Protein backbone atom coordinates (compact mmCIF):
# COMPACT_ATOMS: atom_id res chain seq x y z
CA MET A 1 -8.67 -10.26 -20.50
CA THR A 2 -7.80 -11.43 -24.01
CA ALA A 3 -6.48 -9.18 -26.70
CA THR A 4 -9.72 -9.62 -28.67
CA ALA A 5 -12.42 -7.08 -27.85
CA HIS A 6 -15.89 -8.40 -27.04
CA SER A 7 -19.17 -6.63 -27.66
CA SER A 8 -19.98 -7.07 -23.97
CA ASP A 9 -16.81 -5.27 -22.81
CA ILE A 10 -17.50 -2.31 -20.55
CA GLU A 11 -16.50 0.83 -22.48
CA THR A 12 -15.19 4.16 -21.19
CA GLY A 13 -17.93 6.65 -20.28
CA SER A 14 -20.78 4.13 -20.21
CA ALA A 15 -23.11 3.82 -17.24
CA LEU A 16 -21.64 0.39 -16.45
CA PHE A 17 -18.13 1.85 -16.55
CA TRP A 18 -18.94 4.47 -13.93
CA ARG A 19 -20.89 2.00 -11.79
CA ALA A 20 -18.06 -0.54 -11.77
CA THR A 21 -15.28 2.02 -11.35
CA LEU A 22 -17.07 3.83 -8.51
CA ALA A 23 -17.76 0.50 -6.78
CA LEU A 24 -14.13 -0.60 -7.00
CA CYS A 25 -12.93 2.81 -5.79
CA LEU A 26 -15.27 2.57 -2.79
CA GLY A 27 -14.00 -0.94 -2.07
CA SER A 28 -10.38 0.19 -2.33
CA TYR A 29 -11.13 3.24 -0.18
CA THR A 30 -12.66 1.02 2.53
CA ILE A 31 -9.76 -1.45 2.63
CA PHE A 32 -7.01 1.14 2.85
CA ALA A 33 -8.90 3.40 5.25
CA ASN A 34 -9.18 0.45 7.64
CA LEU A 35 -5.55 -0.54 7.13
CA TYR A 36 -4.13 2.90 7.98
CA LEU A 37 -6.66 3.85 10.67
CA THR A 38 -4.29 3.05 13.54
CA GLN A 39 -1.26 5.08 12.42
CA PRO A 40 -2.23 8.44 14.02
CA LEU A 41 -3.49 6.51 17.07
CA LEU A 42 -0.14 4.89 17.89
CA PRO A 43 0.84 7.26 20.77
CA MET A 44 -2.67 6.88 22.22
CA LEU A 45 -2.52 3.06 22.00
CA ALA A 46 0.95 3.06 23.57
CA GLN A 47 -0.31 5.13 26.51
CA ASP A 48 -3.63 3.34 27.06
CA PHE A 49 -2.18 -0.18 26.85
CA ASN A 50 1.16 0.74 28.46
CA VAL A 51 3.24 -0.62 25.57
CA SER A 52 6.36 0.68 23.80
CA ALA A 53 6.41 2.56 20.51
CA LEU A 54 7.47 -0.62 18.71
CA GLU A 55 4.67 -2.67 20.30
CA ALA A 56 2.10 0.01 19.46
CA GLY A 57 3.33 -0.08 15.86
CA TRP A 58 2.49 -3.79 15.70
CA SER A 59 -1.19 -2.78 15.41
CA PHE A 60 -0.30 -1.53 11.93
CA THR A 61 2.53 -3.84 10.89
CA VAL A 62 0.74 -7.11 11.70
CA SER A 63 -2.03 -6.11 9.27
CA THR A 64 0.40 -5.30 6.46
CA LEU A 65 2.19 -8.61 7.06
CA THR A 66 -0.93 -10.76 6.73
CA LEU A 67 -2.26 -8.61 3.88
CA GLY A 68 0.94 -9.18 1.92
CA LEU A 69 0.85 -12.95 2.47
CA SER A 70 -2.84 -13.15 1.53
CA LEU A 71 -2.15 -11.77 -1.96
CA LEU A 72 -0.63 -15.13 -2.91
CA VAL A 73 -3.93 -16.82 -2.01
CA TYR A 74 -6.70 -14.56 -3.31
CA GLY A 75 -5.52 -14.11 -6.91
CA PRO A 76 -5.45 -17.82 -7.81
CA LEU A 77 -8.57 -18.47 -5.69
CA SER A 78 -10.55 -15.83 -7.58
CA ASP A 79 -9.42 -17.35 -10.90
CA ALA A 80 -11.06 -20.58 -9.76
CA ILE A 81 -14.27 -19.47 -7.99
CA GLY A 82 -15.04 -15.93 -9.16
CA ARG A 83 -14.43 -12.27 -8.38
CA LYS A 84 -17.36 -10.27 -6.98
CA TRP A 85 -18.35 -12.39 -4.00
CA LEU A 86 -14.76 -12.76 -2.83
CA MET A 87 -14.40 -8.97 -2.88
CA ILE A 88 -17.65 -8.58 -0.94
CA LEU A 89 -16.35 -11.12 1.59
CA SER A 90 -13.10 -9.16 1.85
CA ILE A 91 -14.82 -5.83 2.58
CA GLY A 92 -17.49 -7.40 4.80
CA GLY A 93 -14.96 -9.33 6.87
CA THR A 94 -12.80 -6.22 7.23
CA SER A 95 -15.82 -4.23 8.46
CA LEU A 96 -16.82 -6.90 10.97
CA ILE A 97 -13.33 -7.05 12.46
CA THR A 98 -13.27 -3.24 12.79
CA LEU A 99 -16.48 -3.47 14.81
CA LEU A 100 -14.90 -6.10 17.07
CA LEU A 101 -11.81 -3.92 17.47
CA SER A 102 -13.98 -1.09 18.81
CA GLN A 103 -14.99 -3.37 21.71
CA THR A 104 -11.50 -4.73 22.47
CA GLN A 105 -9.94 -4.05 25.87
CA ASP A 106 -6.88 -6.32 25.64
CA TYR A 107 -3.89 -5.46 23.44
CA SER A 108 -3.08 -9.07 22.55
CA THR A 109 -6.66 -9.51 21.31
CA LEU A 110 -6.35 -6.30 19.32
CA LEU A 111 -3.23 -7.61 17.59
CA TRP A 112 -4.83 -10.96 16.78
CA LEU A 113 -7.86 -9.22 15.30
CA ARG A 114 -5.67 -6.88 13.24
CA GLY A 115 -3.76 -9.89 11.90
CA ILE A 116 -6.99 -11.62 10.83
CA GLN A 117 -8.25 -8.34 9.41
CA GLY A 118 -5.10 -7.91 7.31
CA PHE A 119 -5.65 -11.31 5.70
CA LEU A 120 -9.28 -10.42 4.93
CA MET A 121 -8.23 -7.04 3.51
CA GLY A 122 -6.08 -8.67 0.83
CA GLY A 123 -9.08 -9.93 -1.14
CA LEU A 124 -10.00 -6.67 -2.81
CA PRO A 125 -6.57 -5.40 -3.95
CA ALA A 126 -5.67 -8.90 -5.18
CA ILE A 127 -8.82 -9.22 -7.30
CA ALA A 128 -9.99 -5.73 -8.36
CA ILE A 129 -7.68 -5.28 -11.35
CA ALA A 130 -8.32 -8.88 -12.45
CA TYR A 131 -12.07 -8.07 -12.44
CA MET A 132 -11.40 -5.00 -14.58
CA GLY A 133 -9.24 -7.07 -16.92
CA ASP A 134 -12.16 -9.49 -17.40
CA GLU A 135 -14.91 -6.96 -17.92
CA PHE A 136 -13.43 -3.73 -19.35
CA SER A 137 -12.21 -2.93 -22.85
CA ARG A 138 -8.49 -2.18 -23.17
CA LYS A 139 -9.07 1.59 -23.29
CA ALA A 140 -11.53 1.53 -20.38
CA LEU A 141 -9.12 -0.61 -18.35
CA MET A 142 -6.31 1.96 -18.60
CA VAL A 143 -8.64 4.77 -17.50
CA ALA A 144 -10.27 2.75 -14.71
CA VAL A 145 -6.97 1.56 -13.17
CA GLY A 146 -5.79 5.14 -12.75
CA ILE A 147 -9.03 6.12 -11.02
CA TYR A 148 -8.93 2.97 -8.88
CA ILE A 149 -5.39 3.70 -7.63
CA SER A 150 -6.55 7.15 -6.56
CA GLY A 151 -9.08 5.34 -4.35
CA ASN A 152 -6.15 3.60 -2.62
CA THR A 153 -4.54 6.95 -1.84
CA LEU A 154 -7.74 8.62 -0.67
CA GLY A 155 -8.56 5.63 1.52
CA GLY A 156 -5.16 5.77 3.20
CA ILE A 157 -5.45 9.50 3.84
CA SER A 158 -9.07 9.30 5.03
CA GLY A 159 -8.41 6.41 7.38
CA ARG A 160 -5.67 8.40 9.08
CA LEU A 161 -7.83 11.52 9.26
CA ILE A 162 -10.76 9.57 10.74
CA GLY A 163 -8.44 7.86 13.21
CA GLY A 164 -6.81 11.15 14.17
CA PHE A 165 -9.88 13.37 14.52
CA VAL A 166 -12.31 10.84 16.02
CA GLY A 167 -9.58 9.38 18.24
CA ASP A 168 -8.68 12.85 19.51
CA TRP A 169 -12.34 13.71 20.09
CA LEU A 170 -13.82 10.48 21.47
CA GLY A 171 -10.96 8.00 21.93
CA TRP A 172 -9.40 5.21 19.86
CA SER A 173 -12.25 2.71 20.33
CA ASP A 174 -14.77 5.18 18.90
CA ALA A 175 -12.42 5.74 15.95
CA PHE A 176 -12.86 2.04 15.13
CA LEU A 177 -16.63 2.38 15.59
CA ALA A 178 -16.78 5.38 13.24
CA MET A 179 -14.74 3.46 10.69
CA THR A 180 -17.19 0.56 10.98
CA LEU A 181 -20.09 2.82 10.03
CA VAL A 182 -18.19 4.23 7.04
CA SER A 183 -17.22 0.69 5.98
CA VAL A 184 -20.78 -0.65 6.11
CA VAL A 185 -22.04 2.22 3.94
CA CYS A 186 -19.25 1.61 1.41
CA LEU A 187 -19.85 -2.16 1.46
CA THR A 188 -23.54 -1.70 0.73
CA ALA A 189 -22.80 0.67 -2.15
CA PHE A 190 -20.12 -1.70 -3.49
CA ALA A 191 -22.47 -4.71 -3.53
CA LEU A 192 -25.26 -2.74 -5.23
CA LEU A 193 -23.12 -0.90 -7.78
CA LEU A 194 -20.63 -3.50 -8.99
CA PRO A 195 -22.00 -5.36 -12.03
CA ASN A 196 -21.94 -9.14 -11.86
CA SER A 197 -19.15 -10.77 -13.84
CA ARG A 198 -20.17 -11.46 -17.42
CA GLN A 199 -16.92 -12.63 -18.97
CA PHE A 200 -15.31 -14.49 -16.08
CA LYS A 201 -14.19 -18.01 -16.98
CA ALA A 202 -13.16 -20.27 -14.14
CA LYS A 203 -9.70 -21.78 -14.32
CA PRO A 204 -8.56 -24.82 -12.34
CA LEU A 205 -6.08 -24.24 -9.57
CA HIS A 206 -2.56 -25.41 -10.40
CA PRO A 207 -0.56 -24.90 -7.19
CA VAL A 208 2.55 -26.66 -8.54
CA ALA A 209 2.67 -24.52 -11.69
CA MET A 210 2.08 -21.41 -9.60
CA GLY A 211 4.93 -22.37 -7.31
CA TRP A 212 7.31 -22.84 -10.25
CA ASP A 213 6.29 -19.45 -11.67
CA LEU A 214 7.03 -17.75 -8.35
CA LEU A 215 10.34 -19.58 -7.98
CA GLY A 216 11.29 -18.56 -11.51
CA HIS A 217 10.64 -14.90 -10.70
CA LEU A 218 12.73 -15.11 -7.53
CA ARG A 219 15.61 -16.63 -9.52
CA ASN A 220 15.54 -13.74 -11.99
CA PRO A 221 18.11 -11.24 -10.61
CA LEU A 222 16.47 -8.27 -12.35
CA LEU A 223 13.06 -9.01 -10.86
CA LEU A 224 14.55 -9.80 -7.46
CA ALA A 225 16.34 -6.44 -7.47
CA ALA A 226 13.06 -4.65 -8.24
CA TYR A 227 11.27 -6.61 -5.49
CA LEU A 228 13.94 -5.68 -2.95
CA ILE A 229 13.90 -2.02 -4.02
CA GLY A 230 10.11 -1.79 -3.64
CA GLY A 231 10.06 -3.71 -0.38
CA PHE A 232 12.93 -1.91 1.33
CA ASN A 233 11.81 1.54 0.21
CA PHE A 234 8.38 0.91 1.78
CA PHE A 235 10.18 -0.70 4.74
CA ILE A 236 11.61 2.77 5.48
CA PHE A 237 8.99 5.15 4.14
CA ILE A 238 5.87 3.91 5.92
CA ASN A 239 7.61 3.29 9.24
CA GLN A 240 9.09 6.78 9.29
CA TYR A 241 5.47 7.97 9.53
CA SER A 242 4.87 5.69 12.50
CA TYR A 243 7.86 6.99 14.46
CA ILE A 244 7.34 10.67 13.60
CA THR A 245 3.94 10.49 15.35
CA PHE A 246 5.79 9.88 18.63
CA VAL A 247 8.14 12.79 17.95
CA LEU A 248 5.33 15.22 17.19
CA SER A 249 3.07 14.08 20.03
CA ASP A 250 5.86 14.85 22.54
CA THR A 251 7.41 18.18 23.59
CA PRO A 252 7.99 20.71 22.14
CA TYR A 253 5.28 20.00 19.53
CA ASN A 254 2.58 18.29 21.65
CA LEU A 255 0.35 17.71 18.64
CA PRO A 256 -2.99 15.96 19.30
CA ALA A 257 -4.05 12.90 17.30
CA SER A 258 -6.19 15.04 15.00
CA LEU A 259 -3.19 17.08 13.83
CA LEU A 260 -1.05 13.95 13.59
CA GLY A 261 -3.66 12.62 11.19
CA MET A 262 -3.31 15.79 9.13
CA LEU A 263 0.38 14.98 8.64
CA PHE A 264 -0.66 12.19 6.30
CA LEU A 265 -2.00 14.75 3.82
CA THR A 266 1.64 14.85 2.74
CA TYR A 267 0.74 11.64 0.88
CA LEU A 268 -0.91 13.84 -1.74
CA THR A 269 2.51 14.61 -3.26
CA GLY A 270 2.78 10.85 -3.79
CA THR A 271 -0.14 11.08 -6.21
CA ILE A 272 1.87 13.67 -8.16
CA GLY A 273 4.97 11.47 -8.01
CA SER A 274 3.04 8.50 -9.40
CA ALA A 275 1.60 10.61 -12.21
CA PHE A 276 5.02 12.04 -13.11
CA SER A 277 6.75 8.66 -13.17
CA GLY A 278 5.45 7.78 -16.64
CA LYS A 279 6.28 11.19 -18.07
CA ILE A 280 9.82 11.22 -16.64
CA ALA A 281 10.33 7.70 -18.04
CA GLN A 282 9.88 9.17 -21.54
CA TYR A 283 13.20 10.99 -21.02
CA LEU A 284 15.10 8.71 -18.63
CA PRO A 285 15.43 4.91 -18.42
CA GLN A 286 13.09 3.52 -15.77
CA PRO A 287 15.86 2.37 -13.42
CA LEU A 288 17.19 5.94 -13.36
CA VAL A 289 13.67 7.19 -12.54
CA ILE A 290 13.65 4.73 -9.62
CA ALA A 291 17.06 6.05 -8.54
CA LEU A 292 15.80 9.64 -8.83
CA GLY A 293 12.84 8.82 -6.57
CA ILE A 294 15.12 7.23 -3.98
CA GLY A 295 17.39 10.29 -4.14
CA VAL A 296 14.42 12.56 -3.37
CA LEU A 297 13.44 10.24 -0.50
CA ILE A 298 16.96 10.52 0.92
CA LEU A 299 16.83 14.31 0.60
CA GLY A 300 13.44 14.47 2.34
CA SER A 301 14.72 12.31 5.19
CA LEU A 302 17.63 14.70 5.72
CA VAL A 303 15.28 17.71 5.73
CA THR A 304 13.29 16.15 8.60
CA LEU A 305 16.35 16.47 10.84
CA SER A 306 15.40 20.12 11.34
CA SER A 307 13.59 20.86 14.59
CA ASP A 308 11.23 23.25 12.76
CA LEU A 309 7.76 21.74 12.33
CA TRP A 310 7.29 23.19 8.84
CA ALA A 311 10.64 21.78 7.75
CA ILE A 312 9.57 18.34 9.00
CA ILE A 313 6.35 18.63 6.98
CA ALA A 314 8.36 19.74 3.92
CA GLY A 315 10.61 16.72 4.40
CA PHE A 316 7.64 14.36 4.38
CA LEU A 317 6.23 16.07 1.29
CA LEU A 318 9.53 15.29 -0.44
CA ASN A 319 9.56 11.75 0.98
CA SER A 320 6.11 11.00 -0.38
CA PHE A 321 6.89 12.37 -3.84
CA GLY A 322 10.16 10.45 -4.04
CA PHE A 323 8.80 7.20 -2.66
CA PHE A 324 5.82 7.02 -5.01
CA LEU A 325 7.96 8.07 -7.98
CA ALA A 326 10.25 5.11 -7.25
CA HIS A 327 7.38 2.74 -6.38
CA SER A 328 5.38 3.42 -9.55
CA SER A 329 8.48 3.01 -11.68
CA ALA A 330 9.59 -0.20 -9.95
CA SER A 331 6.11 -1.71 -10.26
CA SER A 332 6.02 -0.85 -13.96
CA TRP A 333 9.54 -2.24 -14.35
CA VAL A 334 8.36 -5.60 -13.04
CA SER A 335 5.56 -5.74 -15.62
CA ARG A 336 8.06 -5.04 -18.39
CA ALA A 337 10.89 -7.27 -17.18
CA ALA A 338 8.89 -10.42 -16.34
CA PRO A 339 9.37 -12.84 -19.24
CA HIS A 340 6.24 -14.86 -18.36
CA ALA A 341 3.44 -15.14 -15.76
CA ARG A 342 3.30 -11.38 -15.31
CA ALA A 343 0.31 -11.48 -12.97
CA SER A 344 2.22 -13.61 -10.47
CA ALA A 345 5.32 -11.41 -10.96
CA ASN A 346 3.29 -8.35 -9.97
CA SER A 347 1.70 -10.19 -7.05
CA LEU A 348 5.15 -11.12 -5.79
CA TYR A 349 6.21 -7.46 -6.00
CA LEU A 350 3.26 -6.54 -3.75
CA VAL A 351 4.15 -9.33 -1.33
CA PHE A 352 7.66 -7.86 -0.91
CA TYR A 353 6.09 -4.39 -0.70
CA TYR A 354 3.79 -5.22 2.21
CA LEU A 355 6.30 -7.49 3.95
CA GLY A 356 8.67 -4.53 3.88
CA ALA A 357 6.06 -2.37 5.59
CA SER A 358 5.53 -4.97 8.31
CA CYS A 359 9.24 -5.49 9.08
CA GLY A 360 10.61 -1.94 8.96
CA GLY A 361 9.55 -1.06 12.49
CA PHE A 362 11.64 -3.89 13.95
CA TYR A 363 14.70 -2.68 12.06
CA LEU A 364 14.24 1.00 12.96
CA ASP A 365 13.41 0.50 16.65
CA PRO A 366 17.06 0.02 17.82
CA PHE A 367 17.94 3.27 16.02
CA TRP A 368 15.00 4.95 17.78
CA GLN A 369 16.16 3.66 21.16
CA TRP A 370 19.72 4.81 20.38
CA ALA A 371 19.15 8.38 19.17
CA GLY A 372 15.44 9.11 18.69
CA TRP A 373 14.47 10.66 15.36
CA HIS A 374 18.11 11.29 14.37
CA GLY A 375 18.66 7.56 14.79
CA ILE A 376 15.66 6.82 12.56
CA VAL A 377 17.17 8.98 9.81
CA VAL A 378 20.56 7.25 10.14
CA GLY A 379 18.89 3.84 9.88
CA SER A 380 16.85 5.05 6.91
CA LEU A 381 19.88 6.32 5.00
CA LEU A 382 21.71 3.01 5.44
CA VAL A 383 18.86 1.12 3.73
CA LEU A 384 18.07 3.77 1.11
CA SER A 385 21.74 3.89 0.06
CA CYS A 386 21.48 0.17 -0.70
CA THR A 387 18.25 0.51 -2.72
CA LEU A 388 19.82 3.42 -4.63
CA LEU A 389 22.80 1.24 -5.55
CA ALA A 390 20.39 -1.55 -6.58
CA ALA A 391 18.53 0.86 -8.88
CA LEU A 392 21.81 1.97 -10.48
CA TRP A 393 22.75 -1.70 -10.92
CA LEU A 394 19.43 -2.26 -12.68
CA TYR A 395 20.26 0.64 -14.99
CA GLN A 396 23.60 -0.94 -15.90
CA GLN A 397 21.96 -4.31 -16.58
CA ASP A 398 19.22 -2.68 -18.64
CA LYS A 399 21.74 -0.75 -20.73
CA ARG A 400 23.75 -3.92 -21.29
CA GLN A 401 20.68 -5.84 -22.46
CA LEU A 402 19.79 -3.07 -24.90
CA GLN A 403 23.30 -3.16 -26.35
CA PHE A 404 23.09 -6.89 -27.04
CA SER A 405 19.46 -7.01 -28.17
């Protein structure tokens, strides 16, 4: 979107604003509900397919891996061929794969389908904000993005709740079937509600220029530090949730999948953490806000060492607040620190973010085999100590730049 306002811009409070924003929220909800559907089902998948905790976790991590890689494809592709139909393809393809997953009896097939699904999922998150940038006024864009991000959170929570409750009631395959029905309803509403693009202007693909932009970002030590912080924090945070499901499904807790799904309501403190990040940044430099978030995440991880169920829940409430405080601040830092090609800089941050999610289980599994949940916390603290030091290094570099500017 250019700095000049157009008379055809969608304005805050208009009927078109609410149609477009609701459509994009439904699309975001659908993508992230499908992505996180398997997390409360991991113990059930491990038992039914006779696989290890790590192998069961692949049903989640393979999707985040391919989703992260797809972000480098969809953004430039949508600049060349358009927004709406690519997003419809993304949601429709995701829904179709979920239907196929409900009929799968072989674990290798399930993993292949989840990998394909992850690539299809990337279309909506890669394009949605670009669509808003094309069509919304500056004021409407700021309001709509906040509402849209809430759709991400609600989708992640709902997917886990659907997976947990339906899986506990009818089995994991029917959880996929239920998610298919929800997805088709949301897809239909998305296609009907989202206004066609009116200000989109196709741009030719320039793969070489894109490659140089990405390489330039990776050579920037400040941006690279922020990428590593975001990626490694998610590397730990999201995979802690995967392993805690095995702890809580076993003695002495013996929680069913439905209650394991309820654990993910702790994500709601992440919404608060995201909202507070901007306000705290008015009083502290952003790198210190990132460090503060990591510190809270470390504290929450230590609290989960208690054998008391409520203490474990409290620990995950702290983890979610701290993680999203750090994540929101790091993402914003990238937008501020990138000297050029900010869209590709932000896309690269998300690539590191989702690659972190897909790799963390492999790192944590030896700690799990060594000492169970206590091992997971030890492995977590080793990584989080490094991201904390990286955030403090960013603070020093930021302060130095301000002194010489």
